[in-house]
Amino acid sequence: MRKLALNAVRQPANLSIDSKLMKEAKGLDVNVSRAAEAGIAEAVAAEKTRLWKLENRATIEAWNEYVEKHGIPLEEHRQF
């Protein structure tokens, strides 16, 4: 997981958050801004991963086909 920079330049944002969740978070002394930032960072990372897999699908499939047909290169040298 990406570590959030504590000294990063912050940009104000207006968010709509479920009022019960917000009340509970405040009652538990959760830093809502940091929690939202962490959630957004996680969503961004997941989307980047999804897009990378989509963009590289043909290469991944070609490699998998090669391995199925020919086996893993240098397999005889594997120690596991």
PDB file of N, CA and C in Angstrom:
ATOM      1  N   MET A   1       0.837  -1.177   0.000  1.00  0.00           N
ATOM      2  CA  MET A   1       0.000   0.000   0.000  1.00  0.00           C
ATOM      3  C   MET A   1       0.885   1.245   0.000  1.00  0.00           C
ATOM      4  N   ARG A   2       0.468   2.259  -0.702  1.00  0.00           N
ATOM      5  CA  ARG A   2       1.212   3.512  -0.806  1.00  0.00           C
ATOM      6  C   ARG A   2       1.186   4.237   0.532  1.00  0.00           C
ATOM      7  N   LYS A   3       2.349   4.704   0.946  1.00  0.00           N
ATOM      8  CA  LYS A   3       2.423   5.481   2.178  1.00  0.00           C
ATOM      9  C   LYS A   3       2.108   6.934   1.840  1.00  0.00           C
ATOM     10  N   LEU A   4       1.240   7.541   2.605  1.00  0.00           N
ATOM     11  CA  LEU A   4       0.840   8.915   2.344  1.00  0.00           C
ATOM     12  C   LEU A   4       1.863   9.874   2.928  1.00  0.00           C
ATOM     13  N   ALA A   5       2.228  10.875   2.152  1.00  0.00           N
ATOM     14  CA  ALA A   5       3.194  11.871   2.607  1.00  0.00           C
ATOM     15  C   ALA A   5       2.505  12.852   3.552  1.00  0.00           C
ATOM     16  N   LEU A   6       3.049  12.974   4.729  1.00  0.00           N
ATOM     17  CA  LEU A   6       2.447  13.867   5.722  1.00  0.00           C
ATOM     18  C   LEU A   6       2.664  15.333   5.376  1.00  0.00           C
ATOM     19  N   ASN A   7       3.717  15.620   4.598  1.00  0.00           N
ATOM     20  CA  ASN A   7       4.015  17.007   4.261  1.00  0.00           C
ATOM     21  C   ASN A   7       3.595  17.354   2.831  1.00  0.00           C
ATOM     22  N   ALA A   8       2.752  16.530   2.208  1.00  0.00           N
ATOM     23  CA  ALA A   8       2.296  16.789   0.847  1.00  0.00           C
ATOM     24  C   ALA A   8       1.431  18.044   0.819  1.00  0.00           C
ATOM     25  N   VAL A   9       1.444  18.706  -0.323  1.00  0.00           N
ATOM     26  CA  VAL A   9       0.576  19.868  -0.505  1.00  0.00           C
ATOM     27  C   VAL A   9      -0.861  19.367  -0.552  1.00  0.00           C
ATOM     28  N   ARG A  10      -1.692  19.944   0.257  1.00  0.00           N
ATOM     29  CA  ARG A  10      -3.078  19.517   0.373  1.00  0.00           C
ATOM     30  C   ARG A  10      -3.982  20.428  -0.470  1.00  0.00           C
ATOM     31  N   GLN A  11      -5.021  19.824  -1.023  1.00  0.00           N
ATOM     32  CA  GLN A  11      -6.020  20.569  -1.782  1.00  0.00           C
ATOM     33  C   GLN A  11      -7.362  20.375  -1.109  1.00  0.00           C
ATOM     34  N   PRO A  12      -8.043  21.445  -0.774  1.00  0.00           N
ATOM     35  CA  PRO A  12      -9.364  21.303  -0.158  1.00  0.00           C
ATOM     36  C   PRO A  12     -10.325  20.612  -1.134  1.00  0.00           C
ATOM     37  N   ALA A  13     -11.234  19.812  -0.584  1.00  0.00           N
ATOM     38  CA  ALA A  13     -12.221  19.128  -1.409  1.00  0.00           C
ATOM     39  C   ALA A  13     -13.532  19.037  -0.648  1.00  0.00           C
ATOM     40  N   ASN A  14     -14.607  19.149  -1.376  1.00  0.00           N
ATOM     41  CA  ASN A  14     -15.933  18.970  -0.787  1.00  0.00           C
ATOM     42  C   ASN A  14     -16.362  17.533  -1.049  1.00  0.00           C
ATOM     43  N   LEU A  15     -16.683  16.806   0.010  1.00  0.00           N
ATOM     44  CA  LEU A  15     -17.103  15.419  -0.107  1.00  0.00           C
ATOM     45  C   LEU A  15     -18.456  15.238   0.560  1.00  0.00           C
ATOM     46  N   SER A  16     -19.254  14.371  -0.010  1.00  0.00           N
ATOM     47  CA  SER A  16     -20.507  13.986   0.638  1.00  0.00           C
ATOM     48  C   SER A  16     -20.293  12.622   1.260  1.00  0.00           C
ATOM     49  N   ILE A  17     -20.419  12.560   2.589  1.00  0.00           N
ATOM     50  CA  ILE A  17     -20.163  11.329   3.333  1.00  0.00           C
ATOM     51  C   ILE A  17     -21.396  11.021   4.171  1.00  0.00           C
ATOM     52  N   ASP A  18     -21.748   9.743   4.227  1.00  0.00           N
ATOM     53  CA  ASP A  18     -22.882   9.296   5.023  1.00  0.00           C
ATOM     54  C   ASP A  18     -22.781   9.896   6.430  1.00  0.00           C
ATOM     55  N   SER A  19     -23.845  10.551   6.870  1.00  0.00           N
ATOM     56  CA  SER A  19     -23.814  11.274   8.153  1.00  0.00           C
ATOM     57  C   SER A  19     -23.593  10.341   9.342  1.00  0.00           C
ATOM     58  N   LYS A  20     -24.148   9.138   9.303  1.00  0.00           N
ATOM     59  CA  LYS A  20     -23.929   8.189  10.403  1.00  0.00           C
ATOM     60  C   LYS A  20     -22.472   7.753  10.460  1.00  0.00           C
ATOM     61  N   LEU A  21     -21.879   7.523   9.293  1.00  0.00           N
ATOM     62  CA  LEU A  21     -20.476   7.138   9.239  1.00  0.00           C
ATOM     63  C   LEU A  21     -19.588   8.265   9.750  1.00  0.00           C
ATOM     64  N   MET A  22     -19.901   9.488   9.371  1.00  0.00           N
ATOM     65  CA  MET A  22     -19.120  10.644   9.816  1.00  0.00           C
ATOM     66  C   MET A  22     -19.214  10.803  11.330  1.00  0.00           C
ATOM     67  N   LYS A  23     -20.403  10.633  11.880  1.00  0.00           N
ATOM     68  CA  LYS A  23     -20.586  10.750  13.324  1.00  0.00           C
ATOM     69  C   LYS A  23     -19.773   9.673  14.047  1.00  0.00           C
ATOM     70  N   GLU A  24     -19.828   8.457  13.517  1.00  0.00           N
ATOM     71  CA  GLU A  24     -19.080   7.359  14.131  1.00  0.00           C
ATOM     72  C   GLU A  24     -17.572   7.613  14.052  1.00  0.00           C
ATOM     73  N   ALA A  25     -17.108   8.080  12.907  1.00  0.00           N
ATOM     74  CA  ALA A  25     -15.687   8.366  12.735  1.00  0.00           C
ATOM     75  C   ALA A  25     -15.221   9.437  13.729  1.00  0.00           C
ATOM     76  N   LYS A  26     -16.004  10.492  13.848  1.00  0.00           N
ATOM     77  CA  LYS A  26     -15.636  11.553  14.791  1.00  0.00           C
ATOM     78  C   LYS A  26     -15.651  11.039  16.225  1.00  0.00           C
ATOM     79  N   GLY A  27     -16.636  10.195  16.546  1.00  0.00           N
ATOM     80  CA  GLY A  27     -16.715   9.613  17.880  1.00  0.00           C
ATOM     81  C   GLY A  27     -15.522   8.731  18.204  1.00  0.00           C
ATOM     82  N   LEU A  28     -14.930   8.148  17.186  1.00  0.00           N
ATOM     83  CA  LEU A  28     -13.743   7.294  17.365  1.00  0.00           C
ATOM     84  C   LEU A  28     -12.444   8.066  17.159  1.00  0.00           C
ATOM     85  N   ASP A  29     -12.558   9.372  16.972  1.00  0.00           N
ATOM     86  CA  ASP A  29     -11.404  10.260  16.772  1.00  0.00           C
ATOM     87  C   ASP A  29     -10.599   9.875  15.523  1.00  0.00           C
ATOM     88  N   VAL A  30     -11.317   9.467  14.472  1.00  0.00           N
ATOM     89  CA  VAL A  30     -10.669   9.146  13.201  1.00  0.00           C
ATOM     90  C   VAL A  30     -10.404  10.447  12.448  1.00  0.00           C
ATOM     91  N   ASN A  31      -9.215  10.609  11.929  1.00  0.00           N
ATOM     92  CA  ASN A  31      -8.893  11.754  11.085  1.00  0.00           C
ATOM     93  C   ASN A  31      -9.552  11.491   9.732  1.00  0.00           C
ATOM     94  N   VAL A  32     -10.695  12.103   9.512  1.00  0.00           N
ATOM     95  CA  VAL A  32     -11.505  11.833   8.326  1.00  0.00           C
ATOM     96  C   VAL A  32     -10.778  12.235   7.050  1.00  0.00           C
ATOM     97  N   SER A  33     -10.067  13.338   7.068  1.00  0.00           N
ATOM     98  CA  SER A  33      -9.332  13.764   5.873  1.00  0.00           C
ATOM     99  C   SER A  33      -8.278  12.731   5.490  1.00  0.00           C
ATOM    100  N   ARG A  34      -7.525  12.267   6.474  1.00  0.00           N
ATOM    101  CA  ARG A  34      -6.488  11.254   6.191  1.00  0.00           C
ATOM    102  C   ARG A  34      -7.106   9.931   5.762  1.00  0.00           C
ATOM    103  N   ALA A  35      -8.217   9.555   6.390  1.00  0.00           N
ATOM    104  CA  ALA A  35      -8.882   8.310   6.019  1.00  0.00           C
ATOM    105  C   ALA A  35      -9.421   8.388   4.589  1.00  0.00           C
ATOM    106  N   ALA A  36     -10.005   9.526   4.229  1.00  0.00           N
ATOM    107  CA  ALA A  36     -10.503   9.709   2.864  1.00  0.00           C
ATOM    108  C   ALA A  36      -9.344   9.670   1.876  1.00  0.00           C
ATOM    109  N   GLU A  37      -8.254  10.328   2.212  1.00  0.00           N
ATOM    110  CA  GLU A  37      -7.077  10.340   1.345  1.00  0.00           C
ATOM    111  C   GLU A  37      -6.526   8.923   1.150  1.00  0.00           C
ATOM    112  N   ALA A  38      -6.479   8.157   2.219  1.00  0.00           N
ATOM    113  CA  ALA A  38      -5.993   6.774   2.123  1.00  0.00           C
ATOM    114  C   ALA A  38      -6.921   5.945   1.234  1.00  0.00           C
ATOM    115  N   GLY A  39      -8.215   6.137   1.383  1.00  0.00           N
ATOM    116  CA  GLY A  39      -9.176   5.408   0.554  1.00  0.00           C
ATOM    117  C   GLY A  39      -9.066   5.784  -0.911  1.00  0.00           C
ATOM    118  N   ILE A  40      -8.879   7.056  -1.187  1.00  0.00           N
ATOM    119  CA  ILE A  40      -8.718   7.515  -2.568  1.00  0.00           C
ATOM    120  C   ILE A  40      -7.427   6.972  -3.152  1.00  0.00           C
ATOM    121  N   ALA A  41      -6.349   6.984  -2.358  1.00  0.00           N
ATOM    122  CA  ALA A  41      -5.069   6.439  -2.830  1.00  0.00           C
ATOM    123  C   ALA A  41      -5.208   4.963  -3.176  1.00  0.00           C
ATOM    124  N   GLU A  42      -5.937   4.220  -2.356  1.00  0.00           N
ATOM    125  CA  GLU A  42      -6.160   2.795  -2.612  1.00  0.00           C
ATOM    126  C   GLU A  42      -6.966   2.598  -3.898  1.00  0.00           C
ATOM    127  N   ALA A  43      -7.991   3.419  -4.100  1.00  0.00           N
ATOM    128  CA  ALA A  43      -8.814   3.323  -5.308  1.00  0.00           C
ATOM    129  C   ALA A  43      -7.998   3.666  -6.559  1.00  0.00           C
ATOM    130  N   VAL A  44      -7.140   4.672  -6.457  1.00  0.00           N
ATOM    131  CA  VAL A  44      -6.283   5.056  -7.585  1.00  0.00           C
ATOM    132  C   VAL A  44      -5.325   3.920  -7.927  1.00  0.00           C
ATOM    133  N   ALA A  45      -4.707   3.332  -6.917  1.00  0.00           N
ATOM    134  CA  ALA A  45      -3.773   2.222  -7.148  1.00  0.00           C
ATOM    135  C   ALA A  45      -4.488   1.036  -7.791  1.00  0.00           C
ATOM    136  N   ALA A  46      -5.689   0.732  -7.320  1.00  0.00           N
ATOM    137  CA  ALA A  46      -6.452  -0.387  -7.882  1.00  0.00           C
ATOM    138  C   ALA A  46      -6.812  -0.121  -9.340  1.00  0.00           C
ATOM    139  N   GLU A  47      -7.180   1.102  -9.653  1.00  0.00           N
ATOM    140  CA  GLU A  47      -7.533   1.437 -11.034  1.00  0.00           C
ATOM    141  C   GLU A  47      -6.306   1.405 -11.938  1.00  0.00           C
ATOM    142  N   LYS A  48      -5.161   1.874 -11.443  1.00  0.00           N
ATOM    143  CA  LYS A  48      -3.923   1.806 -12.227  1.00  0.00           C
ATOM    144  C   LYS A  48      -3.564   0.349 -12.521  1.00  0.00           C
ATOM    145  N   THR A  49      -3.729  -0.516 -11.531  1.00  0.00           N
ATOM    146  CA  THR A  49      -3.453  -1.942 -11.719  1.00  0.00           C
ATOM    147  C   THR A  49      -4.396  -2.530 -12.757  1.00  0.00           C
ATOM    148  N   ARG A  50      -5.686  -2.206 -12.654  1.00  0.00           N
ATOM    149  CA  ARG A  50      -6.668  -2.717 -13.606  1.00  0.00           C
ATOM    150  C   ARG A  50      -6.327  -2.268 -15.027  1.00  0.00           C
ATOM    151  N   LEU A  51      -5.989  -1.000 -15.182  1.00  0.00           N
ATOM    152  CA  LEU A  51      -5.651  -0.474 -16.505  1.00  0.00           C
ATOM    153  C   LEU A  51      -4.369  -1.102 -17.048  1.00  0.00           C
ATOM    154  N   TRP A  52      -3.365  -1.314 -16.184  1.00  0.00           N
ATOM    155  CA  TRP A  52      -2.118  -1.933 -16.625  1.00  0.00           C
ATOM    156  C   TRP A  52      -2.390  -3.338 -17.151  1.00  0.00           C
ATOM    157  N   LYS A  53      -3.200  -4.100 -16.412  1.00  0.00           N
ATOM    158  CA  LYS A  53      -3.540  -5.458 -16.841  1.00  0.00           C
ATOM    159  C   LYS A  53      -4.283  -5.438 -18.164  1.00  0.00           C
ATOM    160  N   LEU A  54      -5.177  -4.484 -18.335  1.00  0.00           N
ATOM    161  CA  LEU A  54      -5.933  -4.359 -19.576  1.00  0.00           C
ATOM    162  C   LEU A  54      -5.003  -4.004 -20.739  1.00  0.00           C
ATOM    163  N   GLU A  55      -4.120  -3.042 -20.517  1.00  0.00           N
ATOM    164  CA  GLU A  55      -3.191  -2.604 -21.551  1.00  0.00           C
ATOM    165  C   GLU A  55      -2.180  -3.690 -21.929  1.00  0.00           C
ATOM    166  N   ASN A  56      -1.859  -4.563 -21.003  1.00  0.00           N
ATOM    167  CA  ASN A  56      -0.844  -5.592 -21.233  1.00  0.00           C
ATOM    168  C   ASN A  56      -1.432  -6.988 -21.398  1.00  0.00           C
ATOM    169  N   ARG A  57      -2.743  -7.063 -21.571  1.00  0.00           N
ATOM    170  CA  ARG A  57      -3.429  -8.349 -21.667  1.00  0.00           C
ATOM    171  C   ARG A  57      -2.850  -9.223 -22.782  1.00  0.00           C
ATOM    172  N   ALA A  58      -2.640  -8.660 -23.971  1.00  0.00           N
ATOM    173  CA  ALA A  58      -2.150  -9.449 -25.108  1.00  0.00           C
ATOM    174  C   ALA A  58      -0.784 -10.051 -24.808  1.00  0.00           C
ATOM    175  N   THR A  59       0.102  -9.285 -24.222  1.00  0.00           N
ATOM    176  CA  THR A  59       1.441  -9.784 -23.899  1.00  0.00           C
ATOM    177  C   THR A  59       1.369 -10.876 -22.836  1.00  0.00           C
ATOM    178  N   ILE A  60       0.558 -10.662 -21.826  1.00  0.00           N
ATOM    179  CA  ILE A  60       0.404 -11.658 -20.753  1.00  0.00           C
ATOM    180  C   ILE A  60      -0.160 -12.955 -21.315  1.00  0.00           C
ATOM    181  N   GLU A  61      -1.184 -12.842 -22.157  1.00  0.00           N
ATOM    182  CA  GLU A  61      -1.775 -14.038 -22.759  1.00  0.00           C
ATOM    183  C   GLU A  61      -0.769 -14.762 -23.656  1.00  0.00           C
ATOM    184  N   ALA A  62       0.012 -13.995 -24.434  1.00  0.00           N
ATOM    185  CA  ALA A  62       1.020 -14.605 -25.309  1.00  0.00           C
ATOM    186  C   ALA A  62       2.072 -15.341 -24.480  1.00  0.00           C
ATOM    187  N   TRP A  63       2.497 -14.742 -23.388  1.00  0.00           N
ATOM    188  CA  TRP A  63       3.488 -15.393 -22.529  1.00  0.00           C
ATOM    189  C   TRP A  63       2.914 -16.666 -21.917  1.00  0.00           C
ATOM    190  N   ASN A  64       1.688 -16.607 -21.443  1.00  0.00           N
ATOM    191  CA  ASN A  64       1.053 -17.790 -20.860  1.00  0.00           C
ATOM    192  C   ASN A  64       0.933 -18.917 -21.891  1.00  0.00           C
ATOM    193  N   GLU A  65       0.587 -18.574 -23.127  1.00  0.00           N
ATOM    194  CA  GLU A  65       0.510 -19.574 -24.196  1.00  0.00           C
ATOM    195  C   GLU A  65       1.888 -20.188 -24.454  1.00  0.00           C
ATOM    196  N   TYR A  66       2.917 -19.347 -24.462  1.00  0.00           N
ATOM    197  CA  TYR A  66       4.279 -19.839 -24.681  1.00  0.00           C
ATOM    198  C   TYR A  66       4.663 -20.836 -23.586  1.00  0.00           C
ATOM    199  N   VAL A  67       4.407 -20.480 -22.350  1.00  0.00           N
ATOM    200  CA  VAL A  67       4.761 -21.344 -21.225  1.00  0.00           C
ATOM    201  C   VAL A  67       3.981 -22.657 -21.293  1.00  0.00           C
ATOM    202  N   GLU A  68       2.705 -22.588 -21.659  1.00  0.00           N
ATOM    203  CA  GLU A  68       1.917 -23.815 -21.800  1.00  0.00           C
ATOM    204  C   GLU A  68       2.512 -24.728 -22.879  1.00  0.00           C
ATOM    205  N   LYS A  69       2.964 -24.140 -23.956  1.00  0.00           N
ATOM    206  CA  LYS A  69       3.483 -24.921 -25.082  1.00  0.00           C
ATOM    207  C   LYS A  69       4.916 -25.396 -24.844  1.00  0.00           C
ATOM    208  N   HIS A  70       5.757 -24.533 -24.295  1.00  0.00           N
ATOM    209  CA  HIS A  70       7.193 -24.813 -24.198  1.00  0.00           C
ATOM    210  C   HIS A  70       7.694 -25.027 -22.773  1.00  0.00           C
ATOM    211  N   GLY A  71       6.888 -24.744 -21.788  1.00  0.00           N
ATOM    212  CA  GLY A  71       7.348 -24.811 -20.410  1.00  0.00           C
ATOM    213  C   GLY A  71       8.052 -23.520 -20.013  1.00  0.00           C
ATOM    214  N   ILE A  72       8.492 -23.481 -18.783  1.00  0.00           N
ATOM    215  CA  ILE A  72       9.166 -22.290 -18.263  1.00  0.00           C
ATOM    216  C   ILE A  72      10.620 -22.298 -18.720  1.00  0.00           C
ATOM    217  N   PRO A  73      11.084 -21.193 -19.308  1.00  0.00           N
ATOM    218  CA  PRO A  73      12.487 -21.137 -19.725  1.00  0.00           C
ATOM    219  C   PRO A  73      13.423 -21.392 -18.534  1.00  0.00           C
ATOM    220  N   LEU A  74      14.460 -22.166 -18.783  1.00  0.00           N
ATOM    221  CA  LEU A  74      15.479 -22.488 -17.779  1.00  0.00           C
ATOM    222  C   LEU A  74      14.895 -23.219 -16.562  1.00  0.00           C
ATOM    223  N   GLU A  75      13.782 -23.912 -16.775  1.00  0.00           N
ATOM    224  CA  GLU A  75      13.125 -24.614 -15.665  1.00  0.00           C
ATOM    225  C   GLU A  75      14.044 -25.598 -14.977  1.00  0.00           C
ATOM    226  N   GLU A  76      14.967 -26.195 -15.741  1.00  0.00           N
ATOM    227  CA  GLU A  76      15.859 -27.196 -15.158  1.00  0.00           C
ATOM    228  C   GLU A  76      16.793 -26.582 -14.097  1.00  0.00           C
ATOM    229  N   HIS A  77      16.903 -25.266 -14.074  1.00  0.00           N
ATOM    230  CA  HIS A  77      17.775 -24.589 -13.102  1.00  0.00           C
ATOM    231  C   HIS A  77      17.022 -24.092 -11.872  1.00  0.00           C
ATOM    232  N   ARG A  78      15.697 -24.254 -11.865  1.00  0.00           N
ATOM    233  CA  ARG A  78      14.909 -23.785 -10.721  1.00  0.00           C
ATOM    234  C   ARG A  78      15.222 -24.630  -9.497  1.00  0.00           C
ATOM    235  N   GLN A  79      15.260 -24.001  -8.340  1.00  0.00           N
ATOM    236  CA  GLN A  79      15.530 -24.697  -7.091  1.00  0.00           C
ATOM    237  C   GLN A  79      14.295 -24.776  -6.204  1.00  0.00           C
ATOM    238  N   PHE A  80      13.141 -24.532  -6.777  1.00  0.00           N
ATOM    239  CA  PHE A  80      11.893 -24.613  -6.013  1.00  0.00           C
ATOM    240  C   PHE A  80      10.826 -25.285  -6.827  1.00  0.00           C
TER     241      PHE A  80
END
